[in-house]
Every structure is written in structure tokens, then in C-alpha cells.
Amino acid sequence: MAITKTRYNSQKINSITKNNITILNDQEVHLNNIILIGRKDYTNKSRKKTKDYHLTNKTYNIILDHQPQGTKENIKNNVDLQLSGHTHNGQTFPLSYSYHLQPDFAGNYEKKKHSSTA
């Protein structure tokens, strides 16, 4: 398995893979009539293009991509579902309201000290 330009060192990768977790790094997995693709980050110049995968309209094609990039390309190339993260600071409605109510909640990186007014 070749991991390029990631934040994972070999010790972390070994910890992940020894627990039977497969890292999909610009790879596809065929699960009956479902094709699951894990993509490298869009900033990686060696990232495969969606058209380079074996996607047809006879399979259900799912792309896992850290950032929601390339959706137009994905639609043109038979991608049925794209799952992306990268929702820093709660861009997802209605969760965006809850992020601001709970400063220490994931997505809000500005840790503020709250003083008690008792």
C-alpha cells in the first residue's frame, strides 16, 4: 500500500490495518454491485481522475472524498453518491446552529475560556 502526502506515519497505518481496516487511497473496492472508491485529497497532484475508475451505470458507485470537490466530474462519470467531510465550523444546516452554542464541540476551533458568573 502506497500512502503519499498524508498525515499518517507508518506506525499509525499499522495500527489501522492490524484492526482489519482498509485504507482506500485512490482505490476501488467491488462489493457485489456496489463500487466504493476512496480518493486522495484533491490537492494531491497524483490523484486519479474519476474517469480512470471502472464505473458504469450497471453498478452503484460511491465516492469517499475528504473535501467535497469534483462533484461535476463525478456526476459525468456515473458516480451515484459522494460522501465528503470537511464541514469545519458547522456548514451543515441545521447543525451549524449547534456548533456555535457549544464552543468546545467539534468544528469550532477557537477554544474560549468561559468564566463562571456565580
Protein backbone atom coordinates (compact mmCIF):
# COMPACT_ATOMS: atom_id res chain seq x y z
CA MET A 1 0.00 0.00 0.00
CA ALA A 2 1.45 3.32 -1.03
CA ILE A 3 0.46 6.31 1.02
CA THR A 4 1.64 9.65 -0.33
CA LYS A 5 1.26 13.10 1.15
CA THR A 6 -0.83 12.00 4.10
CA ARG A 7 -0.68 12.85 7.77
CA TYR A 8 -0.31 9.18 8.68
CA ASN A 9 3.04 7.78 9.65
CA SER A 10 3.80 4.06 9.27
CA GLN A 11 3.01 3.36 12.95
CA LYS A 12 -0.49 4.84 12.60
CA ILE A 13 -1.05 2.95 9.35
CA ASN A 14 -0.02 -0.32 11.01
CA SER A 15 -2.43 0.37 13.89
CA ILE A 16 -5.25 0.96 11.43
CA THR A 17 -4.57 -2.02 9.18
CA LYS A 18 -4.00 -4.52 12.02
CA ASN A 19 -7.61 -3.85 13.03
CA ASN A 20 -8.82 -5.04 9.61
CA ILE A 21 -9.44 -1.51 8.33
CA THR A 22 -8.56 -0.97 4.69
CA ILE A 23 -7.27 2.44 3.67
CA LEU A 24 -8.64 3.28 0.24
CA ASN A 25 -6.05 5.61 -1.21
CA ASP A 26 -7.25 6.23 -4.77
CA GLN A 27 -8.50 2.67 -4.83
CA GLU A 28 -11.79 0.99 -5.58
CA VAL A 29 -13.44 -1.98 -3.92
CA HIS A 30 -16.16 -4.05 -5.60
CA LEU A 31 -18.90 -5.24 -3.24
CA ASN A 32 -21.39 -7.18 -5.38
CA ASN A 33 -22.98 -4.43 -7.50
CA ILE A 34 -21.50 -1.57 -5.44
CA ILE A 35 -18.19 0.11 -6.19
CA LEU A 36 -16.68 2.02 -3.27
CA ILE A 37 -13.86 4.45 -4.02
CA GLY A 38 -11.60 6.20 -1.52
CA ARG A 39 -9.84 9.20 -3.02
CA LYS A 40 -6.64 11.02 -2.28
CA ASP A 41 -7.04 14.66 -1.32
CA TYR A 42 -7.79 16.93 -4.26
CA THR A 43 -4.56 18.88 -3.60
CA ASN A 44 -2.53 15.75 -4.41
CA LYS A 45 -1.30 16.13 -7.99
CA SER A 46 -1.12 12.35 -8.50
CA ARG A 47 -4.80 11.86 -7.63
CA LYS A 48 -6.65 9.70 -10.14
CA LYS A 49 -9.44 11.23 -12.16
CA THR A 50 -12.94 9.84 -11.71
CA LYS A 51 -12.97 8.67 -15.34
CA ASP A 52 -9.99 6.38 -14.55
CA TYR A 53 -12.12 4.15 -12.31
CA HIS A 54 -14.27 1.29 -13.63
CA LEU A 55 -17.63 2.97 -13.11
CA THR A 56 -20.67 2.05 -15.17
CA ASN A 57 -24.37 2.69 -14.87
CA LYS A 58 -24.79 -1.03 -14.04
CA THR A 59 -23.23 -0.60 -10.60
CA TYR A 60 -23.97 1.70 -7.67
CA ASN A 61 -20.91 3.93 -7.36
CA ILE A 62 -19.94 5.63 -4.11
CA ILE A 63 -17.00 8.02 -3.72
CA LEU A 64 -15.45 8.85 -0.34
CA ASP A 65 -13.64 12.15 -0.61
CA HIS A 66 -12.41 14.25 2.31
CA GLN A 67 -13.39 17.52 0.68
CA PRO A 68 -16.48 17.99 -1.48
CA GLN A 69 -14.51 18.62 -4.66
CA GLY A 70 -15.08 17.39 -8.21
CA THR A 71 -18.81 16.83 -7.97
CA LYS A 72 -19.45 17.88 -11.60
CA GLU A 73 -16.75 15.47 -12.83
CA ASN A 74 -18.20 12.73 -10.62
CA ILE A 75 -21.72 13.19 -11.99
CA LYS A 76 -20.42 12.95 -15.57
CA ASN A 77 -18.64 9.68 -14.71
CA ASN A 78 -21.51 7.65 -13.19
CA VAL A 79 -20.97 8.46 -9.51
CA ASP A 80 -24.24 7.91 -7.66
CA LEU A 81 -23.24 9.15 -4.20
CA GLN A 82 -20.36 11.24 -2.90
CA LEU A 83 -19.67 11.24 0.83
CA SER A 84 -17.42 14.07 1.96
CA GLY A 85 -16.44 15.58 5.24
CA HIS A 86 -14.67 18.87 5.74
CA THR A 87 -17.52 20.65 7.47
CA HIS A 88 -15.38 22.82 9.73
CA ASN A 89 -17.34 25.33 11.75
CA GLY A 90 -20.61 23.57 11.02
CA GLN A 91 -21.54 24.49 7.46
CA THR A 92 -24.23 21.80 7.50
CA PHE A 93 -27.73 23.10 8.30
CA PRO A 94 -29.24 22.76 10.90
CA LEU A 95 -26.14 21.57 12.75
CA SER A 96 -24.48 24.92 12.10
CA TYR A 97 -26.51 26.44 14.93
CA SER A 98 -25.45 23.81 17.47
CA TYR A 99 -21.74 24.34 16.78
CA HIS A 100 -21.98 27.94 17.90
CA LEU A 101 -23.92 27.06 21.03
CA GLN A 102 -21.22 24.62 22.19
CA PRO A 103 -17.77 26.25 21.77
CA ASP A 104 -15.87 23.06 22.62
CA PHE A 105 -17.83 20.97 20.12
CA ALA A 106 -16.04 19.57 17.07
CA GLY A 107 -15.80 22.03 14.24
CA ASN A 108 -15.26 25.12 16.34
CA TYR A 109 -11.51 25.52 16.63
CA GLU A 110 -11.45 28.67 18.73
CA LYS A 111 -11.18 27.45 22.30
CA LYS A 112 -12.50 30.13 24.58
CA LYS A 113 -12.30 30.17 28.34
CA HIS A 114 -15.68 30.61 29.91
CA SER A 115 -15.84 32.23 33.31
CA SER A 116 -18.48 31.41 35.85
CA THR A 117 -20.78 34.26 36.80
CA ALA A 118 -21.92 32.75 40.10
